[in-house]
PDB file of N, CA and C in Angstrom:
ATOM      1  N   MET A   1       0.825  -1.173  -0.207  1.00  0.00           N
ATOM      2  CA  MET A   1       0.084  -0.036   0.188  1.00  0.00           C
ATOM      3  C   MET A   1       0.806   1.302   0.067  1.00  0.00           C
ATOM      4  N   ALA A   2       1.932   1.282   1.154  1.00  0.00           N
ATOM      5  CA  ALA A   2       2.647   2.585   0.831  1.00  0.00           C
ATOM      6  C   ALA A   2       3.669   2.643  -0.165  1.00  0.00           C
ATOM      7  N   SER A   3       3.648   1.411  -0.489  1.00  0.00           N
ATOM      8  CA  SER A   3       4.782   1.453  -1.750  1.00  0.00           C
ATOM      9  C   SER A   3       4.095   2.274  -3.183  1.00  0.00           C
ATOM     10  N   ASN A   4       3.050   2.732  -3.487  1.00  0.00           N
ATOM     11  CA  ASN A   4       2.298   3.338  -4.175  1.00  0.00           C
ATOM     12  C   ASN A   4       2.228   5.150  -3.992  1.00  0.00           C
ATOM     13  N   ARG A   5       3.059   5.341  -2.548  1.00  0.00           N
ATOM     14  CA  ARG A   5       3.176   6.709  -2.506  1.00  0.00           C
ATOM     15  C   ARG A   5       4.689   6.810  -2.374  1.00  0.00           C
ATOM     16  N   HIS A   6       4.792   8.182  -3.446  1.00  0.00           N
ATOM     17  CA  HIS A   6       6.005   8.979  -3.427  1.00  0.00           C
ATOM     18  C   HIS A   6       6.542  10.162  -3.071  1.00  0.00           C
ATOM     19  N   MET A   7       7.768  10.532  -2.752  1.00  0.00           N
ATOM     20  CA  MET A   7       7.556  12.069  -2.144  1.00  0.00           C
ATOM     21  C   MET A   7       8.942  12.743  -2.895  1.00  0.00           C
ATOM     22  N   SER A   8       8.904  13.790  -3.018  1.00  0.00           N
ATOM     23  CA  SER A   8       9.884  14.437  -3.887  1.00  0.00           C
ATOM     24  C   SER A   8      11.250  14.294  -3.480  1.00  0.00           C
ATOM     25  N   LEU A   9      12.172  14.066  -4.236  1.00  0.00           N
ATOM     26  CA  LEU A   9      13.574  13.990  -3.407  1.00  0.00           C
ATOM     27  C   LEU A   9      13.857  15.057  -2.467  1.00  0.00           C
ATOM     28  N   GLY A  10      13.513  16.745  -3.009  1.00  0.00           N
ATOM     29  CA  GLY A  10      13.404  17.451  -2.141  1.00  0.00           C
ATOM     30  C   GLY A  10      12.687  17.553  -0.841  1.00  0.00           C
ATOM     31  N   ALA A  11      11.724  16.778  -0.570  1.00  0.00           N
ATOM     32  CA  ALA A  11      11.036  16.775   0.306  1.00  0.00           C
ATOM     33  C   ALA A  11      11.441  15.639   1.638  1.00  0.00           C
ATOM     34  N   ILE A  12      12.111  14.782   0.696  1.00  0.00           N
ATOM     35  CA  ILE A  12      13.043  13.404   1.162  1.00  0.00           C
ATOM     36  C   ILE A  12      14.151  14.266   2.043  1.00  0.00           C
ATOM     37  N   ASP A  13      14.841  15.252   1.395  1.00  0.00           N
ATOM     38  CA  ASP A  13      15.844  15.640   1.804  1.00  0.00           C
ATOM     39  C   ASP A  13      15.680  16.715   3.079  1.00  0.00           C
ATOM     40  N   LEU A  14      14.788  17.467   2.988  1.00  0.00           N
ATOM     41  CA  LEU A  14      13.835  18.420   4.123  1.00  0.00           C
ATOM     42  C   LEU A  14      13.490  17.185   5.296  1.00  0.00           C
ATOM     43  N   TYR A  15      13.055  16.145   4.829  1.00  0.00           N
ATOM     44  CA  TYR A  15      12.487  15.380   5.981  1.00  0.00           C
ATOM     45  C   TYR A  15      13.820  14.817   6.737  1.00  0.00           C
ATOM     46  N   GLY A  16      15.021  14.691   6.137  1.00  0.00           N
ATOM     47  CA  GLY A  16      15.813  14.398   6.772  1.00  0.00           C
ATOM     48  C   GLY A  16      16.467  15.324   7.534  1.00  0.00           C
ATOM     49  N   LEU A  17      16.615  16.573   7.584  1.00  0.00           N
ATOM     50  CA  LEU A  17      17.123  17.652   7.988  1.00  0.00           C
ATOM     51  C   LEU A  17      15.785  18.162   9.263  1.00  0.00           C
ATOM     52  N   ILE A  18      14.933  17.867   9.240  1.00  0.00           N
ATOM     53  CA  ILE A  18      13.575  17.833  10.167  1.00  0.00           C
ATOM     54  C   ILE A  18      13.795  16.735  11.204  1.00  0.00           C
ATOM     55  N   GLU A  19      13.907  15.591  10.655  1.00  0.00           N
ATOM     56  CA  GLU A  19      14.476  14.128  11.732  1.00  0.00           C
ATOM     57  C   GLU A  19      15.570  14.637  12.453  1.00  0.00           C
ATOM     58  N   GLN A  20      16.572  14.996  11.885  1.00  0.00           N
ATOM     59  CA  GLN A  20      18.077  15.106  12.465  1.00  0.00           C
ATOM     60  C   GLN A  20      17.826  16.408  13.882  1.00  0.00           C
ATOM     61  N   LEU A  21      16.817  17.226  13.167  1.00  0.00           N
ATOM     62  CA  LEU A  21      16.311  18.281  14.718  1.00  0.00           C
ATOM     63  C   LEU A  21      15.423  17.674  15.354  1.00  0.00           C
ATOM     64  N   VAL A  22      14.372  17.148  15.092  1.00  0.00           N
ATOM     65  CA  VAL A  22      13.725  16.305  16.324  1.00  0.00           C
ATOM     66  C   VAL A  22      14.439  15.256  16.836  1.00  0.00           C
ATOM     67  N   ARG A  23      15.520  14.418  16.490  1.00  0.00           N
ATOM     68  CA  ARG A  23      15.770  13.190  16.999  1.00  0.00           C
ATOM     69  C   ARG A  23      17.129  14.057  17.821  1.00  0.00           C
ATOM     70  N   SER A  24      17.725  15.434  17.192  1.00  0.00           N
ATOM     71  CA  SER A  24      19.045  15.629  18.438  1.00  0.00           C
ATOM     72  C   SER A  24      18.935  15.648  20.253  1.00  0.00           C
ATOM     73  N   GLU A  25      19.761  15.314  20.113  1.00  0.00           N
ATOM     74  CA  GLU A  25      19.851  15.547  21.794  1.00  0.00           C
ATOM     75  C   GLU A  25      19.878  16.554  22.471  1.00  0.00           C
ATOM     76  N   PRO A  26      19.027  17.055  23.478  1.00  0.00           N
ATOM     77  CA  PRO A  26      18.672  18.221  24.344  1.00  0.00           C
ATOM     78  C   PRO A  26      20.109  18.807  24.359  1.00  0.00           C
ATOM     79  N   HIS A  27      20.146  20.372  24.681  1.00  0.00           N
ATOM     80  CA  HIS A  27      21.034  21.060  25.210  1.00  0.00           C
ATOM     81  C   HIS A  27      21.638  21.652  26.487  1.00  0.00           C
ATOM     82  N   GLY A  28      21.332  20.298  27.788  1.00  0.00           N
ATOM     83  CA  GLY A  28      21.536  21.481  28.530  1.00  0.00           C
ATOM     84  C   GLY A  28      20.343  21.227  29.322  1.00  0.00           C
ATOM     85  N   LEU A  29      19.302  21.383  29.108  1.00  0.00           N
ATOM     86  CA  LEU A  29      18.113  21.977  29.342  1.00  0.00           C
ATOM     87  C   LEU A  29      17.968  20.516  30.838  1.00  0.00           C
ATOM     88  N   GLY A  30      17.310  21.205  31.566  1.00  0.00           N
ATOM     89  CA  GLY A  30      16.633  20.732  32.643  1.00  0.00           C
ATOM     90  C   GLY A  30      15.301  20.838  33.170  1.00  0.00           C
ATOM     91  N   ALA A  31      14.608  19.975  33.921  1.00  0.00           N
ATOM     92  CA  ALA A  31      13.402  20.325  35.343  1.00  0.00           C
ATOM     93  C   ALA A  31      13.680  20.693  36.286  1.00  0.00           C
ATOM     94  N   VAL A  32      13.065  21.850  36.322  1.00  0.00           N
ATOM     95  CA  VAL A  32      12.937  22.560  37.818  1.00  0.00           C
ATOM     96  C   VAL A  32      13.048  21.659  38.761  1.00  0.00           C
ATOM     97  N   PRO A  33      13.969  21.398  39.841  1.00  0.00           N
ATOM     98  CA  PRO A  33      13.565  20.835  40.984  1.00  0.00           C
ATOM     99  C   PRO A  33      12.338  20.646  42.150  1.00  0.00           C
ATOM    100  N   GLY A  34      12.237  19.452  42.311  1.00  0.00           N
ATOM    101  CA  GLY A  34      11.248  19.793  43.400  1.00  0.00           C
ATOM    102  C   GLY A  34       9.308  19.769  42.708  1.00  0.00           C
ATOM    103  N   THR A  35       9.299  19.836  41.809  1.00  0.00           N
ATOM    104  CA  THR A  35       8.186  19.958  40.821  1.00  0.00           C
ATOM    105  C   THR A  35       7.454  18.546  40.870  1.00  0.00           C
ATOM    106  N   GLY A  36       8.305  17.708  40.194  1.00  0.00           N
ATOM    107  CA  GLY A  36       7.507  16.415  40.283  1.00  0.00           C
ATOM    108  C   GLY A  36       6.936  16.674  38.680  1.00  0.00           C
ATOM    109  N   ALA A  37       6.657  17.775  38.104  1.00  0.00           N
ATOM    110  CA  ALA A  37       7.124  17.758  36.560  1.00  0.00           C
ATOM    111  C   ALA A  37       7.919  17.658  35.587  1.00  0.00           C
ATOM    112  N   ALA A  38       7.739  16.935  34.293  1.00  0.00           N
ATOM    113  CA  ALA A  38       8.740  16.932  33.009  1.00  0.00           C
ATOM    114  C   ALA A  38       9.496  17.954  32.930  1.00  0.00           C
ATOM    115  N   GLY A  39      10.721  18.179  32.734  1.00  0.00           N
ATOM    116  CA  GLY A  39      11.276  19.446  32.208  1.00  0.00           C
ATOM    117  C   GLY A  39      11.188  19.511  30.531  1.00  0.00           C
ATOM    118  N   ASP A  40      12.019  20.473  30.374  1.00  0.00           N
ATOM    119  CA  ASP A  40      12.550  21.155  29.264  1.00  0.00           C
ATOM    120  C   ASP A  40      12.686  19.676  28.634  1.00  0.00           C
ATOM    121  N   ASN A  41      14.265  18.992  29.286  1.00  0.00           N
ATOM    122  CA  ASN A  41      15.171  17.806  28.713  1.00  0.00           C
ATOM    123  C   ASN A  41      14.012  16.743  28.702  1.00  0.00           C
ATOM    124  N   ASP A  42      13.034  16.709  29.599  1.00  0.00           N
ATOM    125  CA  ASP A  42      12.194  15.345  29.389  1.00  0.00           C
ATOM    126  C   ASP A  42      11.368  15.466  28.067  1.00  0.00           C
ATOM    127  N   ALA A  43      10.835  16.615  27.860  1.00  0.00           N
ATOM    128  CA  ALA A  43      10.149  16.880  26.449  1.00  0.00           C
ATOM    129  C   ALA A  43      11.046  16.710  25.349  1.00  0.00           C
ATOM    130  N   LEU A  44      12.312  17.338  25.347  1.00  0.00           N
ATOM    131  CA  LEU A  44      12.911  16.876  23.991  1.00  0.00           C
ATOM    132  C   LEU A  44      12.785  15.292  23.870  1.00  0.00           C
ATOM    133  N   VAL A  45      13.371  14.641  24.780  1.00  0.00           N
ATOM    134  CA  VAL A  45      14.078  13.350  24.862  1.00  0.00           C
ATOM    135  C   VAL A  45      12.271  12.987  24.408  1.00  0.00           C
ATOM    136  N   ALA A  46      11.172  12.767  24.365  1.00  0.00           N
ATOM    137  CA  ALA A  46      10.130  12.459  24.022  1.00  0.00           C
ATOM    138  C   ALA A  46       9.584  12.635  23.066  1.00  0.00           C
ATOM    139  N   VAL A  47       9.916  13.569  22.311  1.00  0.00           N
ATOM    140  CA  VAL A  47      10.363  14.019  21.154  1.00  0.00           C
ATOM    141  C   VAL A  47      10.837  13.620  20.031  1.00  0.00           C
ATOM    142  N   ALA A  48      11.655  12.875  20.733  1.00  0.00           N
ATOM    143  CA  ALA A  48      13.224  12.047  19.906  1.00  0.00           C
ATOM    144  C   ALA A  48      12.664  11.130  19.665  1.00  0.00           C
ATOM    145  N   GLU A  49      11.986  10.167  20.933  1.00  0.00           N
ATOM    146  CA  GLU A  49      11.744   9.287  21.357  1.00  0.00           C
ATOM    147  C   GLU A  49      10.403   8.617  20.272  1.00  0.00           C
ATOM    148  N   LEU A  50       9.340   9.840  19.808  1.00  0.00           N
ATOM    149  CA  LEU A  50       8.326   9.486  19.044  1.00  0.00           C
ATOM    150  C   LEU A  50       9.074   9.469  17.606  1.00  0.00           C
ATOM    151  N   ALA A  51       9.498  10.368  17.521  1.00  0.00           N
ATOM    152  CA  ALA A  51       9.992  10.348  15.885  1.00  0.00           C
ATOM    153  C   ALA A  51      10.637   9.161  15.840  1.00  0.00           C
ATOM    154  N   ARG A  52      11.526   8.099  16.445  1.00  0.00           N
ATOM    155  CA  ARG A  52      12.117   6.960  16.388  1.00  0.00           C
ATOM    156  C   ARG A  52      10.509   5.927  16.064  1.00  0.00           C
ATOM    157  N   ALA A  53       9.664   6.311  16.974  1.00  0.00           N
ATOM    158  CA  ALA A  53       8.530   4.956  17.034  1.00  0.00           C
ATOM    159  C   ALA A  53       7.593   5.324  15.755  1.00  0.00           C
ATOM    160  N   ILE A  54       7.867   6.706  14.869  1.00  0.00           N
ATOM    161  CA  ILE A  54       7.464   6.751  13.534  1.00  0.00           C
ATOM    162  C   ILE A  54       8.335   6.391  12.613  1.00  0.00           C
ATOM    163  N   GLU A  55       9.599   6.442  12.779  1.00  0.00           N
ATOM    164  CA  GLU A  55      11.017   6.257  11.810  1.00  0.00           C
ATOM    165  C   GLU A  55      10.457   4.316  11.560  1.00  0.00           C
ATOM    166  N   VAL A  56      10.378   3.752  12.514  1.00  0.00           N
ATOM    167  CA  VAL A  56      10.403   2.588  12.089  1.00  0.00           C
ATOM    168  C   VAL A  56       9.512   1.792  11.237  1.00  0.00           C
ATOM    169  N   PRO A  57       8.123   2.221  11.313  1.00  0.00           N
ATOM    170  CA  PRO A  57       7.089   1.931  10.854  1.00  0.00           C
ATOM    171  C   PRO A  57       7.030   2.610   9.259  1.00  0.00           C
ATOM    172  N   ALA A  58       7.706   3.675   9.308  1.00  0.00           N
ATOM    173  CA  ALA A  58       7.865   4.590   7.944  1.00  0.00           C
ATOM    174  C   ALA A  58       8.719   3.374   7.205  1.00  0.00           C
ATOM    175  N   GLN A  59       9.631   3.388   7.799  1.00  0.00           N
ATOM    176  CA  GLN A  59      10.575   2.388   6.691  1.00  0.00           C
ATOM    177  C   GLN A  59      10.259   1.137   6.524  1.00  0.00           C
ATOM    178  N   THR A  60       9.588   0.143   7.591  1.00  0.00           N
ATOM    179  CA  THR A  60       9.120  -0.842   6.576  1.00  0.00           C
ATOM    180  C   THR A  60       7.815  -0.855   5.856  1.00  0.00           C
ATOM    181  N   GLY A  61       7.522   0.187   5.655  1.00  0.00           N
ATOM    182  CA  GLY A  61       6.367   0.545   4.770  1.00  0.00           C
ATOM    183  C   GLY A  61       5.053   0.485   5.390  1.00  0.00           C
ATOM    184  N   ASP A  62       4.914   0.038   6.572  1.00  0.00           N
ATOM    185  CA  ASP A  62       3.742  -0.054   7.534  1.00  0.00           C
ATOM    186  C   ASP A  62       3.072   1.421   8.084  1.00  0.00           C
ATOM    187  N   LEU A  63       3.630   2.403   7.802  1.00  0.00           N
ATOM    188  CA  LEU A  63       3.042   3.374   7.762  1.00  0.00           C
ATOM    189  C   LEU A  63       3.368   4.314   6.696  1.00  0.00           C
ATOM    190  N   ASP A  64       2.219   4.872   6.220  1.00  0.00           N
ATOM    191  CA  ASP A  64       2.074   5.882   5.055  1.00  0.00           C
ATOM    192  C   ASP A  64       3.315   7.000   5.182  1.00  0.00           C
ATOM    193  N   PRO A  65       4.092   6.875   4.260  1.00  0.00           N
ATOM    194  CA  PRO A  65       5.297   8.897   3.887  1.00  0.00           C
ATOM    195  C   PRO A  65       4.948   9.682   4.094  1.00  0.00           C
ATOM    196  N   GLU A  66       3.509  10.004   3.777  1.00  0.00           N
ATOM    197  CA  GLU A  66       2.888  11.321   3.979  1.00  0.00           C
ATOM    198  C   GLU A  66       2.763  12.004   5.242  1.00  0.00           C
ATOM    199  N   HIS A  67       2.082  10.870   5.837  1.00  0.00           N
ATOM    200  CA  HIS A  67       1.953  10.553   7.414  1.00  0.00           C
ATOM    201  C   HIS A  67       2.732  10.781   7.990  1.00  0.00           C
ATOM    202  N   ALA A  68       4.288  10.078   7.840  1.00  0.00           N
ATOM    203  CA  ALA A  68       5.306  10.163   8.413  1.00  0.00           C
ATOM    204  C   ALA A  68       5.647  11.153   8.681  1.00  0.00           C
ATOM    205  N   HIS A  69       5.635  12.224   7.636  1.00  0.00           N
ATOM    206  CA  HIS A  69       6.177  13.147   7.241  1.00  0.00           C
ATOM    207  C   HIS A  69       5.114  14.338   8.089  1.00  0.00           C
ATOM    208  N   ARG A  70       4.259  13.983   7.916  1.00  0.00           N
ATOM    209  CA  ARG A  70       3.333  15.280   8.809  1.00  0.00           C
ATOM    210  C   ARG A  70       3.512  14.651  10.390  1.00  0.00           C
ATOM    211  N   MET A  71       3.491  13.617  10.666  1.00  0.00           N
ATOM    212  CA  MET A  71       3.974  14.060  12.238  1.00  0.00           C
ATOM    213  C   MET A  71       5.360  14.177  12.650  1.00  0.00           C
ATOM    214  N   ALA A  72       6.272  14.132  11.791  1.00  0.00           N
ATOM    215  CA  ALA A  72       7.425  14.209  12.126  1.00  0.00           C
ATOM    216  C   ALA A  72       7.450  16.150  11.958  1.00  0.00           C
ATOM    217  N   SER A  73       6.710  16.489  10.872  1.00  0.00           N
ATOM    218  CA  SER A  73       6.219  18.374  11.523  1.00  0.00           C
ATOM    219  C   SER A  73       5.744  18.876  12.589  1.00  0.00           C
ATOM    220  N   LEU A  74       4.767  18.024  12.990  1.00  0.00           N
ATOM    221  CA  LEU A  74       4.249  18.190  14.199  1.00  0.00           C
ATOM    222  C   LEU A  74       5.385  18.410  15.206  1.00  0.00           C
ATOM    223  N   LEU A  75       6.009  17.140  15.765  1.00  0.00           N
ATOM    224  CA  LEU A  75       6.977  17.096  16.220  1.00  0.00           C
ATOM    225  C   LEU A  75       8.015  18.114  16.077  1.00  0.00           C
ATOM    226  N   LEU A  76       8.315  18.544  14.930  1.00  0.00           N
ATOM    227  CA  LEU A  76       9.046  19.561  14.848  1.00  0.00           C
ATOM    228  C   LEU A  76       8.420  21.030  15.540  1.00  0.00           C
ATOM    229  N   VAL A  77       7.458  21.185  15.616  1.00  0.00           N
ATOM    230  CA  VAL A  77       6.879  22.613  16.085  1.00  0.00           C
ATOM    231  C   VAL A  77       6.922  22.200  17.382  1.00  0.00           C
ATOM    232  N   ILE A  78       6.665  20.937  18.036  1.00  0.00           N
ATOM    233  CA  ILE A  78       6.787  21.097  19.665  1.00  0.00           C
ATOM    234  C   ILE A  78       8.333  21.000  19.533  1.00  0.00           C
ATOM    235  N   ARG A  79       9.346  20.308  19.263  1.00  0.00           N
ATOM    236  CA  ARG A  79      10.154  21.016  19.833  1.00  0.00           C
ATOM    237  C   ARG A  79      10.818  22.184  19.671  1.00  0.00           C
ATOM    238  N   ASP A  80      10.585  22.805  18.692  1.00  0.00           N
ATOM    239  CA  ASP A  80      11.016  24.317  18.414  1.00  0.00           C
ATOM    240  C   ASP A  80      10.227  25.065  19.776  1.00  0.00           C
ATOM    241  N   PHE A  81       9.034  24.646  20.129  1.00  0.00           N
ATOM    242  CA  PHE A  81       8.507  24.998  21.371  1.00  0.00           C
ATOM    243  C   PHE A  81       9.788  25.355  22.856  1.00  0.00           C
ATOM    244  N   VAL A  82      10.109  24.011  22.532  1.00  0.00           N
ATOM    245  CA  VAL A  82      10.497  23.804  24.020  1.00  0.00           C
ATOM    246  C   VAL A  82      11.845  24.151  23.751  1.00  0.00           C
ATOM    247  N   GLU A  83      12.752  23.503  22.926  1.00  0.00           N
ATOM    248  CA  GLU A  83      13.704  24.656  22.321  1.00  0.00           C
ATOM    249  C   GLU A  83      13.801  24.934  21.175  1.00  0.00           C
ATOM    250  N   PRO A  84      14.082  26.535  20.949  1.00  0.00           N
ATOM    251  CA  PRO A  84      13.892  26.930  19.436  1.00  0.00           C
ATOM    252  C   PRO A  84      14.857  26.654  18.639  1.00  0.00           C
ATOM    253  N   ILE A  85      14.817  25.914  16.911  1.00  0.00           N
ATOM    254  CA  ILE A  85      15.776  25.940  16.500  1.00  0.00           C
ATOM    255  C   ILE A  85      16.939  26.659  16.694  1.00  0.00           C
ATOM    256  N   GLY A  86      16.514  28.199  16.171  1.00  0.00           N
ATOM    257  CA  GLY A  86      17.481  29.033  16.324  1.00  0.00           C
ATOM    258  C   GLY A  86      18.098  29.584  14.919  1.00  0.00           C
ATOM    259  N   ASP A  87      18.356  30.832  15.258  1.00  0.00           N
ATOM    260  CA  ASP A  87      19.074  30.986  13.592  1.00  0.00           C
ATOM    261  C   ASP A  87      20.178  30.487  12.668  1.00  0.00           C
ATOM    262  N   ASP A  88      20.755  29.719  13.652  1.00  0.00           N
ATOM    263  CA  ASP A  88      22.006  29.136  12.673  1.00  0.00           C
ATOM    264  C   ASP A  88      21.426  27.539  12.516  1.00  0.00           C
ATOM    265  N   ALA A  89      19.718  27.523  12.237  1.00  0.00           N
ATOM    266  CA  ALA A  89      19.444  25.872  11.662  1.00  0.00           C
ATOM    267  C   ALA A  89      19.106  26.287  10.101  1.00  0.00           C
ATOM    268  N   ASP A  90      19.156  25.086   9.439  1.00  0.00           N
ATOM    269  CA  ASP A  90      19.188  25.376   8.019  1.00  0.00           C
ATOM    270  C   ASP A  90      18.031  26.118   7.456  1.00  0.00           C
ATOM    271  N   GLU A  91      18.362  27.090   6.251  1.00  0.00           N
ATOM    272  CA  GLU A  91      17.386  27.910   6.086  1.00  0.00           C
ATOM    273  C   GLU A  91      16.126  27.250   5.580  1.00  0.00           C
ATOM    274  N   HIS A  92      16.506  26.128   4.915  1.00  0.00           N
ATOM    275  CA  HIS A  92      15.145  25.444   4.502  1.00  0.00           C
ATOM    276  C   HIS A  92      14.273  24.549   5.423  1.00  0.00           C
ATOM    277  N   VAL A  93      14.665  24.119   6.754  1.00  0.00           N
ATOM    278  CA  VAL A  93      14.042  24.048   7.534  1.00  0.00           C
ATOM    279  C   VAL A  93      13.115  25.067   8.633  1.00  0.00           C
ATOM    280  N   GLN A  94      13.760  26.795   8.725  1.00  0.00           N
ATOM    281  CA  GLN A  94      13.327  27.402   9.191  1.00  0.00           C
ATOM    282  C   GLN A  94      11.587  28.061   8.484  1.00  0.00           C
ATOM    283  N   ARG A  95      12.285  27.686   6.927  1.00  0.00           N
ATOM    284  CA  ARG A  95      11.188  28.090   6.177  1.00  0.00           C
ATOM    285  C   ARG A  95       9.969  27.022   6.396  1.00  0.00           C
ATOM    286  N   TYR A  96      10.445  26.018   6.416  1.00  0.00           N
ATOM    287  CA  TYR A  96       9.530  24.614   6.066  1.00  0.00           C
ATOM    288  C   TYR A  96       8.584  25.146   7.897  1.00  0.00           C
ATOM    289  N   LEU A  97       9.266  25.382   8.917  1.00  0.00           N
ATOM    290  CA  LEU A  97       8.568  25.209   9.927  1.00  0.00           C
ATOM    291  C   LEU A  97       7.369  26.534   9.975  1.00  0.00           C
ATOM    292  N   GLY A  98       7.947  27.604   9.333  1.00  0.00           N
ATOM    293  CA  GLY A  98       7.165  28.709   9.476  1.00  0.00           C
ATOM    294  C   GLY A  98       5.634  28.231   8.249  1.00  0.00           C
ATOM    295  N   GLU A  99       6.034  27.409   7.374  1.00  0.00           N
ATOM    296  CA  GLU A  99       4.805  27.219   6.765  1.00  0.00           C
ATOM    297  C   GLU A  99       3.923  26.250   7.191  1.00  0.00           C
ATOM    298  N   VAL A 100       4.301  25.481   8.188  1.00  0.00           N
ATOM    299  CA  VAL A 100       3.632  24.341   8.889  1.00  0.00           C
ATOM    300  C   VAL A 100       3.107  25.492   9.785  1.00  0.00           C
ATOM    301  N   LEU A 101       3.448  25.925  10.334  1.00  0.00           N
ATOM    302  CA  LEU A 101       2.991  27.030  11.866  1.00  0.00           C
ATOM    303  C   LEU A 101       1.968  27.601  10.539  1.00  0.00           C
ATOM    304  N   ASP A 102       2.142  28.297   9.913  1.00  0.00           N
ATOM    305  CA  ASP A 102       1.149  29.017   8.786  1.00  0.00           C
ATOM    306  C   ASP A 102      -0.274  27.981   8.729  1.00  0.00           C
ATOM    307  N   ARG A 103      -0.070  27.077   7.937  1.00  0.00           N
ATOM    308  CA  ARG A 103      -1.008  25.596   7.815  1.00  0.00           C
ATOM    309  C   ARG A 103      -1.683  25.617   9.155  1.00  0.00           C
ATOM    310  N   MET A 104      -0.628  25.155  10.033  1.00  0.00           N
ATOM    311  CA  MET A 104      -1.723  25.074  11.158  1.00  0.00           C
ATOM    312  C   MET A 104      -2.606  26.156  11.914  1.00  0.00           C
ATOM    313  N   ARG A 105      -2.450  27.241  11.555  1.00  0.00           N
ATOM    314  CA  ARG A 105      -2.920  28.723  12.462  1.00  0.00           C
ATOM    315  C   ARG A 105      -4.608  28.680  11.434  1.00  0.00           C
ATOM    316  N   ARG A 106      -3.926  28.751  10.030  1.00  0.00           N
ATOM    317  CA  ARG A 106      -4.946  28.722   9.151  1.00  0.00           C
ATOM    318  C   ARG A 106      -5.700  27.806   9.296  1.00  0.00           C
ATOM    319  N   SER A 107      -5.757  26.593   9.921  1.00  0.00           N
ATOM    320  CA  SER A 107      -6.933  25.438   9.861  1.00  0.00           C
ATOM    321  C   SER A 107      -7.376  25.502  11.275  1.00  0.00           C
ATOM    322  N   ARG A 108      -7.022  26.287  12.211  1.00  0.00           N
ATOM    323  CA  ARG A 108      -7.688  26.191  13.432  1.00  0.00           C
ATOM    324  C   ARG A 108      -9.344  26.364  13.219  1.00  0.00           C
ATOM    325  N   PRO A 109     -10.184  25.590  14.295  1.00  0.00           N
ATOM    326  CA  PRO A 109     -11.487  25.412  13.907  1.00  0.00           C
ATOM    327  C   PRO A 109     -11.797  26.397  14.631  1.00  0.00           C
ATOM    328  N   PRO A 110     -13.428  27.027  14.208  1.00  0.00           N
ATOM    329  CA  PRO A 110     -13.361  28.436  14.748  1.00  0.00           C
ATOM    330  C   PRO A 110     -13.897  28.360  15.958  1.00  0.00           C
ATOM    331  N   GLY A 111     -13.530  29.458  16.599  1.00  0.00           N
ATOM    332  CA  GLY A 111     -13.890  29.348  18.121  1.00  0.00           C
ATOM    333  C   GLY A 111     -12.843  28.762  19.331  1.00  0.00           C
ATOM    334  N   ALA A 112     -11.424  28.007  18.745  1.00  0.00           N
ATOM    335  CA  ALA A 112     -10.716  28.066  19.135  1.00  0.00           C
ATOM    336  C   ALA A 112      -9.526  28.910  19.070  1.00  0.00           C
ATOM    337  N   PRO A 113      -9.158  28.962  20.786  1.00  0.00           N
ATOM    338  CA  PRO A 113      -8.139  30.082  21.139  1.00  0.00           C
ATOM    339  C   PRO A 113      -6.846  30.099  20.103  1.00  0.00           C
ATOM    340  N   ASP A 114      -6.712  31.252  20.079  1.00  0.00           N
ATOM    341  CA  ASP A 114      -5.524  31.799  18.851  1.00  0.00           C
ATOM    342  C   ASP A 114      -4.275  31.721  19.664  1.00  0.00           C
ATOM    343  N   THR A 115      -3.396  30.553  20.067  1.00  0.00           N
ATOM    344  CA  THR A 115      -1.893  30.998  20.593  1.00  0.00           C
ATOM    345  C   THR A 115      -0.576  31.348  20.258  1.00  0.00           C
ATOM    346  N   SER A 116      -0.911  32.089  19.248  1.00  0.00           N
ATOM    347  CA  SER A 116       0.150  32.584  18.256  1.00  0.00           C
ATOM    348  C   SER A 116       0.751  33.776  18.837  1.00  0.00           C
TER     349      SER A 116
END
């Protein structure tokens, strides 16, 4: 089923850059001591684990590549909220993140709070 779906070479290259960011190790962020709540580092580790959980079925053909790409894009949004990708990130990833956010904001259901 997934073998009939193809992504463009540019989309695959961009997906690789997104995947690297999503799966990258946290940069020294930590939980607030004594709160019992997850911290920034925990959130980034969880995002990386979710990316790995998406990657395996996508590679074996058990998950539609376009659906996997969409999920990775959403993880990129979460990862950027927890630890911004910054100005030194690849310009294509920065532009892609902006496009994902624009699409999300435009498709927000009527009456949903605007958190931007």
